[in-house]
Amino acid sequence: MTYKDKFRQSENRAHSKIIATKIIRDMNELRASVESSSTAPRRWVWELIQNAKDVHSEDGVKIKIKYRPNVTNPYIKFIHTGEPFSADNIRYLIEQISSKDRDNDEDGKRKNTGKFGTGFLATHLLSEVVTVEGVAKEPELDFHKFKLVLDRSGYELDEITDAVQNSKEYIEDLDDSEVYVNYEKGAFNTSFRYPLTDNVSLKVAELGLADLQECLPYTLAFVNDITSLEIEHEGRKFFNTRKAVDLSDNIQLITIRNESIENPEDYQLFRLILLSKGFTFIAIPVKK
């Protein structure tokens, strides 16, 4: 090993320690918020939905949530059809850096709400160890599948520093992996798997899903980039879809259909009038 190699190794270690210091600080605050905050335990599901929305294709994004509390190793798996990960996306995920796009679209609306920063860290209330599976793609490079473990379970600086380094090693040999020639745009290519290892994580899962069930019609009404959201729990699957009818230039009738996949006749319809002016939106529930 040369001095150049030594300096590079030292630089990488120092950078990982800076990242680890921030992660420890944020994780300690997060752990303390489980009992003291009424909103923190519910936040995970909205962060994952937001991140999926931010990588939607021109056809929108579909989301599945699989909740398995009664198996030998309980877990939640969040899956979506968003665009592949760029190299920056993967690095931001490992280092917990926000990849917020501060640019606005042609209407002056901000393109992304941001992903993989401290907001994403809130999902670690479900589990401090998360397995991410996805597809990497850069414009000039081939598609490659990857699997990445994010471990935030340490309490000491060296533990988190090692975990950050280990995560980087998962994807260092991505170029040497087999090219993913069967990539299908719009398929469920991205997943986040959270093992639920104790009563706290199970409680956090239940609170987040309860919040989602209550607020989902409004979420789908306001966020038209999400075309459907499927919740699979205890042998039942509920499929939520959004349909919009323009009543005038700034008024829409939004219908959210919540149906059981096993029995399509078992369904509910939520209807809302959506009024918009500029960047302001108001949803009013209506009955037929």
C-alpha atoms as a PDB file:
ATOM      1  CA  MET A   1       0.000   0.000   0.000  1.00  0.00           C
ATOM      2  CA  THR A   2       1.264   3.469  -0.922  1.00  0.00           C
ATOM      3  CA  TYR A   3       0.980   6.761   0.956  1.00  0.00           C
ATOM      4  CA  LYS A   4      -1.637   7.775  -1.592  1.00  0.00           C
ATOM      5  CA  ASP A   5      -3.688   4.722  -0.676  1.00  0.00           C
ATOM      6  CA  LYS A   6      -3.214   5.468   3.019  1.00  0.00           C
ATOM      7  CA  PHE A   7      -4.386   9.066   2.586  1.00  0.00           C
ATOM      8  CA  ARG A   8      -7.433   7.965   0.589  1.00  0.00           C
ATOM      9  CA  GLN A   9      -8.295   5.331   3.185  1.00  0.00           C
ATOM     10  CA  SER A  10      -7.948   7.898   5.971  1.00  0.00           C
ATOM     11  CA  GLU A  11     -10.102  10.387   4.081  1.00  0.00           C
ATOM     12  CA  ASN A  12     -12.851   7.810   3.543  1.00  0.00           C
ATOM     13  CA  ARG A  13     -12.796   6.849   7.214  1.00  0.00           C
ATOM     14  CA  ALA A  14     -12.960  10.488   8.315  1.00  0.00           C
ATOM     15  CA  HIS A  15     -15.890  11.129   5.975  1.00  0.00           C
ATOM     16  CA  SER A  16     -17.729   8.067   7.323  1.00  0.00           C
ATOM     17  CA  LYS A  17     -17.186   9.313  10.901  1.00  0.00           C
ATOM     18  CA  ILE A  18     -18.744  12.672  10.041  1.00  0.00           C
ATOM     19  CA  ILE A  19     -21.760  10.873   8.574  1.00  0.00           C
ATOM     20  CA  ALA A  20     -21.918   8.504  11.566  1.00  0.00           C
ATOM     21  CA  THR A  21     -21.868  11.419  14.043  1.00  0.00           C
ATOM     22  CA  LYS A  22     -24.961  12.899  12.393  1.00  0.00           C
ATOM     23  CA  ILE A  23     -26.737   9.539  12.229  1.00  0.00           C
ATOM     24  CA  ILE A  24     -26.116   8.846  15.952  1.00  0.00           C
ATOM     25  CA  ARG A  25     -27.421  12.284  16.910  1.00  0.00           C
ATOM     26  CA  ASP A  26     -30.577  11.886  14.815  1.00  0.00           C
ATOM     27  CA  MET A  27     -31.154   8.274  15.898  1.00  0.00           C
ATOM     28  CA  ASN A  28     -30.908   9.220  19.590  1.00  0.00           C
ATOM     29  CA  GLU A  29     -33.514  11.934  19.056  1.00  0.00           C
ATOM     30  CA  LEU A  30     -35.681   9.488  17.148  1.00  0.00           C
ATOM     31  CA  ARG A  31     -35.478   6.794  19.823  1.00  0.00           C
ATOM     32  CA  ALA A  32     -36.459   9.319  22.481  1.00  0.00           C
ATOM     33  CA  SER A  33     -39.480  10.413  20.429  1.00  0.00           C
ATOM     34  CA  VAL A  34     -41.223   7.017  20.445  1.00  0.00           C
ATOM     35  CA  GLU A  35     -42.868   7.687  23.800  1.00  0.00           C
ATOM     36  CA  SER A  36     -42.749  11.496  23.910  1.00  0.00           C
ATOM     37  CA  SER A  37     -44.187  12.307  20.463  1.00  0.00           C
ATOM     38  CA  SER A  38     -47.651  11.489  19.164  1.00  0.00           C
ATOM     39  CA  THR A  39     -46.604  12.015  15.536  1.00  0.00           C
ATOM     40  CA  ALA A  40     -43.130  10.405  15.274  1.00  0.00           C
ATOM     41  CA  PRO A  41     -44.373   6.781  15.378  1.00  0.00           C
ATOM     42  CA  ARG A  42     -46.807   7.549  12.527  1.00  0.00           C
ATOM     43  CA  ARG A  43     -44.311   9.328  10.305  1.00  0.00           C
ATOM     44  CA  TRP A  44     -42.617   6.319   8.692  1.00  0.00           C
ATOM     45  CA  VAL A  45     -45.383   5.492   6.236  1.00  0.00           C
ATOM     46  CA  TRP A  46     -45.632   9.066   4.938  1.00  0.00           C
ATOM     47  CA  GLU A  47     -41.865   9.296   4.444  1.00  0.00           C
ATOM     48  CA  LEU A  48     -41.851   6.102   2.369  1.00  0.00           C
ATOM     49  CA  ILE A  49     -44.846   7.271   0.324  1.00  0.00           C
ATOM     50  CA  GLN A  50     -43.192  10.642  -0.253  1.00  0.00           C
ATOM     51  CA  ASN A  51     -39.981   8.993  -1.447  1.00  0.00           C
ATOM     52  CA  ALA A  52     -41.929   6.764  -3.837  1.00  0.00           C
ATOM     53  CA  LYS A  53     -43.826   9.768  -5.179  1.00  0.00           C
ATOM     54  CA  ASP A  54     -40.566  11.608  -5.812  1.00  0.00           C
ATOM     55  CA  VAL A  55     -39.355   8.892  -8.222  1.00  0.00           C
ATOM     56  CA  HIS A  56     -42.598   8.401 -10.140  1.00  0.00           C
ATOM     57  CA  SER A  57     -42.487   7.895 -13.897  1.00  0.00           C
ATOM     58  CA  GLU A  58     -44.666   9.716 -16.413  1.00  0.00           C
ATOM     59  CA  ASP A  59     -47.376   7.107 -15.671  1.00  0.00           C
ATOM     60  CA  GLY A  60     -47.244   7.723 -11.930  1.00  0.00           C
ATOM     61  CA  VAL A  61     -46.193   5.264  -9.252  1.00  0.00           C
ATOM     62  CA  LYS A  62     -47.898   2.213  -7.738  1.00  0.00           C
ATOM     63  CA  ILE A  63     -47.260   1.220  -4.136  1.00  0.00           C
ATOM     64  CA  LYS A  64     -47.692  -2.021  -2.178  1.00  0.00           C
ATOM     65  CA  ILE A  65     -47.393  -2.420   1.575  1.00  0.00           C
ATOM     66  CA  LYS A  66     -47.120  -5.961   2.955  1.00  0.00           C
ATOM     67  CA  TYR A  67     -47.650  -6.258   6.702  1.00  0.00           C
ATOM     68  CA  ARG A  68     -46.877  -9.624   8.314  1.00  0.00           C
ATOM     69  CA  PRO A  69     -47.241  -9.353  12.121  1.00  0.00           C
ATOM     70  CA  ASN A  70     -48.188 -12.968  12.810  1.00  0.00           C
ATOM     71  CA  VAL A  71     -45.399 -14.930  11.149  1.00  0.00           C
ATOM     72  CA  THR A  72     -42.290 -16.321  12.837  1.00  0.00           C
ATOM     73  CA  ASN A  73     -40.270 -13.235  11.855  1.00  0.00           C
ATOM     74  CA  PRO A  74     -42.732 -10.322  11.563  1.00  0.00           C
ATOM     75  CA  TYR A  75     -41.982  -7.614   8.996  1.00  0.00           C
ATOM     76  CA  ILE A  76     -43.263  -4.780   6.857  1.00  0.00           C
ATOM     77  CA  LYS A  77     -42.252  -4.569   3.220  1.00  0.00           C
ATOM     78  CA  PHE A  78     -42.804  -1.373   1.247  1.00  0.00           C
ATOM     79  CA  ILE A  79     -42.625  -1.867  -2.541  1.00  0.00           C
ATOM     80  CA  HIS A  80     -43.065   0.564  -5.425  1.00  0.00           C
ATOM     81  CA  THR A  81     -42.739   0.963  -9.196  1.00  0.00           C
ATOM     82  CA  GLY A  82     -40.642   4.130  -9.209  1.00  0.00           C
ATOM     83  CA  GLU A  83     -37.645   4.902 -11.385  1.00  0.00           C
ATOM     84  CA  PRO A  84     -34.276   3.170 -10.779  1.00  0.00           C
ATOM     85  CA  PHE A  85     -31.710   4.498  -8.311  1.00  0.00           C
ATOM     86  CA  SER A  86     -28.914   6.717  -9.544  1.00  0.00           C
ATOM     87  CA  ALA A  87     -25.458   6.436  -7.984  1.00  0.00           C
ATOM     88  CA  ASP A  88     -26.221   9.613  -6.023  1.00  0.00           C
ATOM     89  CA  ASN A  89     -29.503   8.142  -4.745  1.00  0.00           C
ATOM     90  CA  ILE A  90     -27.679   5.112  -3.352  1.00  0.00           C
ATOM     91  CA  ARG A  91     -24.996   7.248  -1.701  1.00  0.00           C
ATOM     92  CA  TYR A  92     -27.603   9.579  -0.173  1.00  0.00           C
ATOM     93  CA  LEU A  93     -29.439   6.534   1.175  1.00  0.00           C
ATOM     94  CA  ILE A  94     -26.296   5.139   2.808  1.00  0.00           C
ATOM     95  CA  GLU A  95     -25.131   8.461   4.188  1.00  0.00           C
ATOM     96  CA  GLN A  96     -28.586   9.752   5.112  1.00  0.00           C
ATOM     97  CA  ILE A  97     -28.180  12.908   3.033  1.00  0.00           C
ATOM     98  CA  SER A  98     -31.262  14.614   1.648  1.00  0.00           C
ATOM     99  CA  SER A  99     -31.417  14.616  -2.141  1.00  0.00           C
ATOM    100  CA  LYS A 100     -33.933  17.425  -2.310  1.00  0.00           C
ATOM    101  CA  ASP A 101     -34.239  18.947  -5.744  1.00  0.00           C
ATOM    102  CA  ARG A 102     -34.547  22.684  -5.196  1.00  0.00           C
ATOM    103  CA  ASP A 103     -35.514  23.300  -8.818  1.00  0.00           C
ATOM    104  CA  ASN A 104     -39.088  24.132  -9.740  1.00  0.00           C
ATOM    105  CA  ASP A 105     -41.116  22.814 -12.643  1.00  0.00           C
ATOM    106  CA  GLU A 106     -42.509  24.938 -15.480  1.00  0.00           C
ATOM    107  CA  ASP A 107     -45.452  25.989 -13.287  1.00  0.00           C
ATOM    108  CA  GLY A 108     -43.201  27.139 -10.465  1.00  0.00           C
ATOM    109  CA  LYS A 109     -43.961  24.136  -8.277  1.00  0.00           C
ATOM    110  CA  ARG A 110     -41.077  22.383  -6.536  1.00  0.00           C
ATOM    111  CA  LYS A 111     -40.296  19.107  -8.289  1.00  0.00           C
ATOM    112  CA  ASN A 112     -39.388  16.940  -5.308  1.00  0.00           C
ATOM    113  CA  THR A 113     -40.122  17.084  -1.612  1.00  0.00           C
ATOM    114  CA  GLY A 114     -36.815  15.382  -0.854  1.00  0.00           C
ATOM    115  CA  LYS A 115     -35.776  11.876   0.053  1.00  0.00           C
ATOM    116  CA  PHE A 116     -33.277   9.895   2.118  1.00  0.00           C
ATOM    117  CA  GLY A 117     -32.460  12.671   4.605  1.00  0.00           C
ATOM    118  CA  THR A 118     -33.540  12.877   8.246  1.00  0.00           C
ATOM    119  CA  GLY A 119     -37.116  12.197   7.141  1.00  0.00           C
ATOM    120  CA  PHE A 120     -36.180   8.776   5.839  1.00  0.00           C
ATOM    121  CA  LEU A 121     -34.319   8.126   9.086  1.00  0.00           C
ATOM    122  CA  ALA A 122     -37.733   8.206  10.794  1.00  0.00           C
ATOM    123  CA  THR A 123     -38.562   4.903   9.099  1.00  0.00           C
ATOM    124  CA  HIS A 124     -35.940   3.265  11.330  1.00  0.00           C
ATOM    125  CA  LEU A 125     -38.470   3.387  14.167  1.00  0.00           C
ATOM    126  CA  LEU A 126     -39.884   0.294  12.450  1.00  0.00           C
ATOM    127  CA  SER A 127     -36.476  -1.356  12.427  1.00  0.00           C
ATOM    128  CA  GLU A 128     -32.947  -0.094  12.875  1.00  0.00           C
ATOM    129  CA  VAL A 129     -31.762  -2.596  10.268  1.00  0.00           C
ATOM    130  CA  VAL A 130     -33.370  -2.276   6.820  1.00  0.00           C
ATOM    131  CA  THR A 131     -32.798  -4.267   3.638  1.00  0.00           C
ATOM    132  CA  VAL A 132     -33.169  -2.295   0.411  1.00  0.00           C
ATOM    133  CA  GLU A 133     -33.497  -3.984  -2.972  1.00  0.00           C
ATOM    134  CA  GLY A 134     -33.598  -2.047  -6.206  1.00  0.00           C
ATOM    135  CA  VAL A 135     -32.156  -1.364  -9.630  1.00  0.00           C
ATOM    136  CA  ALA A 136     -29.278   1.022 -10.347  1.00  0.00           C
ATOM    137  CA  LYS A 137     -29.124   2.953 -13.600  1.00  0.00           C
ATOM    138  CA  GLU A 138     -27.049   5.822 -14.932  1.00  0.00           C
ATOM    139  CA  PRO A 139     -27.663   7.188 -18.455  1.00  0.00           C
ATOM    140  CA  GLU A 140     -24.397   5.830 -19.848  1.00  0.00           C
ATOM    141  CA  LEU A 141     -24.353   2.585 -17.832  1.00  0.00           C
ATOM    142  CA  ASP A 142     -26.254  -0.708 -17.812  1.00  0.00           C
ATOM    143  CA  PHE A 143     -29.025  -1.699 -15.424  1.00  0.00           C
ATOM    144  CA  HIS A 144     -27.824  -3.596 -12.339  1.00  0.00           C
ATOM    145  CA  LYS A 145     -29.870  -5.052  -9.469  1.00  0.00           C
ATOM    146  CA  PHE A 146     -28.552  -4.423  -5.975  1.00  0.00           C
ATOM    147  CA  LYS A 147     -29.272  -5.405  -2.388  1.00  0.00           C
ATOM    148  CA  LEU A 148     -28.202  -3.126   0.423  1.00  0.00           C
ATOM    149  CA  VAL A 149     -28.379  -3.417   4.219  1.00  0.00           C
ATOM    150  CA  LEU A 150     -28.688  -0.201   6.243  1.00  0.00           C
ATOM    151  CA  ASP A 151     -27.746  -0.790   9.888  1.00  0.00           C
ATOM    152  CA  ARG A 152     -28.475   2.059  12.331  1.00  0.00           C
ATOM    153  CA  SER A 153     -28.579  -0.127  15.448  1.00  0.00           C
ATOM    154  CA  GLY A 154     -25.272   1.009  16.943  1.00  0.00           C
ATOM    155  CA  TYR A 155     -24.991   3.438  19.847  1.00  0.00           C
ATOM    156  CA  GLU A 156     -21.270   4.153  19.533  1.00  0.00           C
ATOM    157  CA  LEU A 157     -19.497   6.176  16.842  1.00  0.00           C
ATOM    158  CA  ASP A 158     -17.305   3.301  15.686  1.00  0.00           C
ATOM    159  CA  GLU A 159     -20.320   0.995  15.369  1.00  0.00           C
ATOM    160  CA  ILE A 160     -22.167   3.337  13.033  1.00  0.00           C
ATOM    161  CA  THR A 161     -18.966   4.237  11.166  1.00  0.00           C
ATOM    162  CA  ASP A 162     -18.374   0.537  10.474  1.00  0.00           C
ATOM    163  CA  ALA A 163     -22.000   0.099   9.432  1.00  0.00           C
ATOM    164  CA  VAL A 164     -21.734   2.975   6.922  1.00  0.00           C
ATOM    165  CA  GLN A 165     -18.524   1.483   5.531  1.00  0.00           C
ATOM    166  CA  ASN A 166     -20.131  -1.958   5.290  1.00  0.00           C
ATOM    167  CA  SER A 167     -23.102  -0.541   3.386  1.00  0.00           C
ATOM    168  CA  LYS A 168     -20.742   1.035   0.878  1.00  0.00           C
ATOM    169  CA  GLU A 169     -19.022  -2.303   0.396  1.00  0.00           C
ATOM    170  CA  TYR A 170     -22.355  -3.847  -0.598  1.00  0.00           C
ATOM    171  CA  ILE A 171     -22.424  -1.778  -3.787  1.00  0.00           C
ATOM    172  CA  GLU A 172     -18.698  -1.306  -4.536  1.00  0.00           C
ATOM    173  CA  ASP A 173     -18.684  -4.251  -6.967  1.00  0.00           C
ATOM    174  CA  LEU A 174     -21.886  -3.253  -8.738  1.00  0.00           C
ATOM    175  CA  ASP A 175     -20.074  -2.979 -12.093  1.00  0.00           C
ATOM    176  CA  ASP A 176     -18.954  -6.602 -11.763  1.00  0.00           C
ATOM    177  CA  SER A 177     -22.450  -7.934 -11.131  1.00  0.00           C
ATOM    178  CA  GLU A 178     -24.530  -9.427 -13.912  1.00  0.00           C
ATOM    179  CA  VAL A 179     -26.208  -6.877 -16.178  1.00  0.00           C
ATOM    180  CA  TYR A 180     -29.957  -6.805 -15.534  1.00  0.00           C
ATOM    181  CA  VAL A 181     -31.220  -7.299 -19.091  1.00  0.00           C
ATOM    182  CA  ASN A 182     -34.821  -8.032 -18.075  1.00  0.00           C
ATOM    183  CA  TYR A 183     -35.512  -4.678 -16.430  1.00  0.00           C
ATOM    184  CA  GLU A 184     -39.174  -3.766 -16.858  1.00  0.00           C
ATOM    185  CA  LYS A 185     -40.213  -0.156 -16.472  1.00  0.00           C
ATOM    186  CA  GLY A 186     -43.250   0.190 -14.225  1.00  0.00           C
ATOM    187  CA  ALA A 187     -42.672  -3.118 -12.433  1.00  0.00           C
ATOM    188  CA  PHE A 188     -42.287  -3.378  -8.647  1.00  0.00           C
ATOM    189  CA  ASN A 189     -38.497  -3.060  -8.738  1.00  0.00           C
ATOM    190  CA  THR A 190     -37.853  -1.279  -5.417  1.00  0.00           C
ATOM    191  CA  SER A 191     -38.465  -2.612  -1.914  1.00  0.00           C
ATOM    192  CA  PHE A 192     -37.657  -1.689   1.693  1.00  0.00           C
ATOM    193  CA  ARG A 193     -37.958  -4.558   4.182  1.00  0.00           C
ATOM    194  CA  TYR A 194     -38.244  -3.783   7.910  1.00  0.00           C
ATOM    195  CA  PRO A 195     -38.127  -6.714  10.378  1.00  0.00           C
ATOM    196  CA  LEU A 196     -40.388  -6.021  13.355  1.00  0.00           C
ATOM    197  CA  THR A 197     -38.361  -7.392  16.218  1.00  0.00           C
ATOM    198  CA  ASP A 198     -40.160  -6.146  19.345  1.00  0.00           C
ATOM    199  CA  ASN A 199     -43.398  -4.696  20.687  1.00  0.00           C
ATOM    200  CA  VAL A 200     -42.265  -1.135  19.983  1.00  0.00           C
ATOM    201  CA  SER A 201     -41.739  -1.774  16.274  1.00  0.00           C
ATOM    202  CA  LEU A 202     -45.073  -3.617  16.039  1.00  0.00           C
ATOM    203  CA  LYS A 203     -46.811  -0.688  17.743  1.00  0.00           C
ATOM    204  CA  VAL A 204     -45.135   1.778  15.356  1.00  0.00           C
ATOM    205  CA  ALA A 205     -46.258  -0.331  12.396  1.00  0.00           C
ATOM    206  CA  GLU A 206     -49.866  -0.405  13.618  1.00  0.00           C
ATOM    207  CA  LEU A 207     -49.968   3.342  14.305  1.00  0.00           C
ATOM    208  CA  GLY A 208     -48.582   4.206  10.882  1.00  0.00           C
ATOM    209  CA  LEU A 209     -50.980   1.918   9.039  1.00  0.00           C
ATOM    210  CA  ALA A 210     -53.961   3.193  11.043  1.00  0.00           C
ATOM    211  CA  ASP A 211     -52.974   6.752  10.132  1.00  0.00           C
ATOM    212  CA  LEU A 212     -52.671   5.729   6.484  1.00  0.00           C
ATOM    213  CA  GLN A 213     -56.110   4.111   6.393  1.00  0.00           C
ATOM    214  CA  GLU A 214     -57.696   7.243   7.824  1.00  0.00           C
ATOM    215  CA  CYS A 215     -55.913   9.751   5.602  1.00  0.00           C
ATOM    216  CA  LEU A 216     -55.397   7.767   2.402  1.00  0.00           C
ATOM    217  CA  PRO A 217     -58.374   9.149   0.437  1.00  0.00           C
ATOM    218  CA  TYR A 218     -57.068  12.672   0.959  1.00  0.00           C
ATOM    219  CA  THR A 219     -53.516  11.635   0.102  1.00  0.00           C
ATOM    220  CA  LEU A 220     -54.587  10.138  -3.212  1.00  0.00           C
ATOM    221  CA  ALA A 221     -56.791  13.152  -3.916  1.00  0.00           C
ATOM    222  CA  PHE A 222     -53.964  15.633  -3.425  1.00  0.00           C
ATOM    223  CA  VAL A 223     -51.119  13.566  -4.911  1.00  0.00           C
ATOM    224  CA  ASN A 224     -52.082  12.452  -8.392  1.00  0.00           C
ATOM    225  CA  ASP A 225     -48.602  10.991  -8.996  1.00  0.00           C
ATOM    226  CA  ILE A 226     -49.707   7.986  -6.888  1.00  0.00           C
ATOM    227  CA  THR A 227     -52.015   5.938  -9.106  1.00  0.00           C
ATOM    228  CA  SER A 228     -52.724   3.104  -6.669  1.00  0.00           C
ATOM    229  CA  LEU A 229     -51.805   1.868  -3.213  1.00  0.00           C
ATOM    230  CA  GLU A 230     -52.298  -1.736  -2.126  1.00  0.00           C
ATOM    231  CA  ILE A 231     -52.281  -2.774   1.531  1.00  0.00           C
ATOM    232  CA  GLU A 232     -51.864  -6.478   2.257  1.00  0.00           C
ATOM    233  CA  HIS A 233     -52.570  -7.509   5.841  1.00  0.00           C
ATOM    234  CA  GLU A 234     -53.602 -10.787   7.464  1.00  0.00           C
ATOM    235  CA  GLY A 235     -54.664 -12.423   4.215  1.00  0.00           C
ATOM    236  CA  ARG A 236     -56.623  -9.441   2.949  1.00  0.00           C
ATOM    237  CA  LYS A 237     -55.554  -7.030   0.251  1.00  0.00           C
ATOM    238  CA  PHE A 238     -57.087  -3.625  -0.210  1.00  0.00           C
ATOM    239  CA  PHE A 239     -56.522  -1.850  -3.495  1.00  0.00           C
ATOM    240  CA  ASN A 240     -56.955   1.910  -3.628  1.00  0.00           C
ATOM    241  CA  THR A 241     -57.264   3.726  -6.946  1.00  0.00           C
ATOM    242  CA  ARG A 242     -57.873   7.338  -7.911  1.00  0.00           C
ATOM    243  CA  LYS A 243     -60.232   8.624 -10.597  1.00  0.00           C
ATOM    244  CA  ALA A 244     -60.667  12.325 -11.393  1.00  0.00           C
ATOM    245  CA  VAL A 245     -63.387  14.112 -13.368  1.00  0.00           C
ATOM    246  CA  ASP A 246     -62.957  17.784 -14.270  1.00  0.00           C
ATOM    247  CA  LEU A 247     -66.045  19.805 -13.372  1.00  0.00           C
ATOM    248  CA  SER A 248     -64.453  23.145 -14.295  1.00  0.00           C
ATOM    249  CA  ASP A 249     -61.001  24.651 -14.736  1.00  0.00           C
ATOM    250  CA  ASN A 250     -60.241  24.493 -11.024  1.00  0.00           C
ATOM    251  CA  ILE A 251     -62.764  22.011  -9.639  1.00  0.00           C
ATOM    252  CA  GLN A 252     -62.487  18.212  -9.814  1.00  0.00           C
ATOM    253  CA  LEU A 253     -64.590  15.347  -8.550  1.00  0.00           C
ATOM    254  CA  ILE A 254     -62.157  12.776  -7.109  1.00  0.00           C
ATOM    255  CA  THR A 255     -63.319   9.216  -6.466  1.00  0.00           C
ATOM    256  CA  ILE A 256     -61.141   6.886  -4.406  1.00  0.00           C
ATOM    257  CA  ARG A 257     -62.135   3.239  -4.636  1.00  0.00           C
ATOM    258  CA  ASN A 258     -61.046   0.924  -1.830  1.00  0.00           C
ATOM    259  CA  GLU A 259     -61.732  -2.686  -2.736  1.00  0.00           C
ATOM    260  CA  SER A 260     -60.841  -6.123  -1.459  1.00  0.00           C
ATOM    261  CA  ILE A 261     -58.790  -7.960  -4.079  1.00  0.00           C
ATOM    262  CA  GLU A 262     -60.193 -11.305  -2.950  1.00  0.00           C
ATOM    263  CA  ASN A 263     -63.751 -10.011  -3.337  1.00  0.00           C
ATOM    264  CA  PRO A 264     -64.115  -6.988  -5.673  1.00  0.00           C
ATOM    265  CA  GLU A 265     -67.753  -6.656  -4.574  1.00  0.00           C
ATOM    266  CA  ASP A 266     -66.449  -5.703  -1.134  1.00  0.00           C
ATOM    267  CA  TYR A 267     -65.556  -2.071  -1.710  1.00  0.00           C
ATOM    268  CA  GLN A 268     -66.005   1.492  -0.513  1.00  0.00           C
ATOM    269  CA  LEU A 269     -66.085   4.707  -2.513  1.00  0.00           C
ATOM    270  CA  PHE A 270     -64.782   8.009  -1.131  1.00  0.00           C
ATOM    271  CA  ARG A 271     -65.777  11.087  -3.100  1.00  0.00           C
ATOM    272  CA  LEU A 272     -64.215  14.490  -2.667  1.00  0.00           C
ATOM    273  CA  ILE A 273     -64.522  17.818  -4.429  1.00  0.00           C
ATOM    274  CA  LEU A 274     -61.041  19.219  -5.019  1.00  0.00           C
ATOM    275  CA  LEU A 275     -60.771  22.979  -5.474  1.00  0.00           C
ATOM    276  CA  SER A 276     -57.479  24.478  -6.616  1.00  0.00           C
ATOM    277  CA  LYS A 277     -56.075  27.938  -7.100  1.00  0.00           C
ATOM    278  CA  GLY A 278     -52.377  28.351  -7.736  1.00  0.00           C
ATOM    279  CA  PHE A 279     -50.610  26.132  -5.225  1.00  0.00           C
ATOM    280  CA  THR A 280     -53.604  26.015  -2.850  1.00  0.00           C
ATOM    281  CA  PHE A 281     -55.837  22.911  -2.802  1.00  0.00           C
ATOM    282  CA  ILE A 282     -58.945  22.251  -0.709  1.00  0.00           C
ATOM    283  CA  ALA A 283     -60.661  18.867  -0.515  1.00  0.00           C
ATOM    284  CA  ILE A 284     -64.278  18.586   0.629  1.00  0.00           C
ATOM    285  CA  PRO A 285     -65.802  15.129   1.189  1.00  0.00           C
ATOM    286  CA  VAL A 286     -69.184  14.667  -0.466  1.00  0.00           C
ATOM    287  CA  LYS A 287     -71.924  12.052  -0.415  1.00  0.00           C
ATOM    288  CA  LYS A 288     -73.710  10.900  -3.526  1.00  0.00           C
END
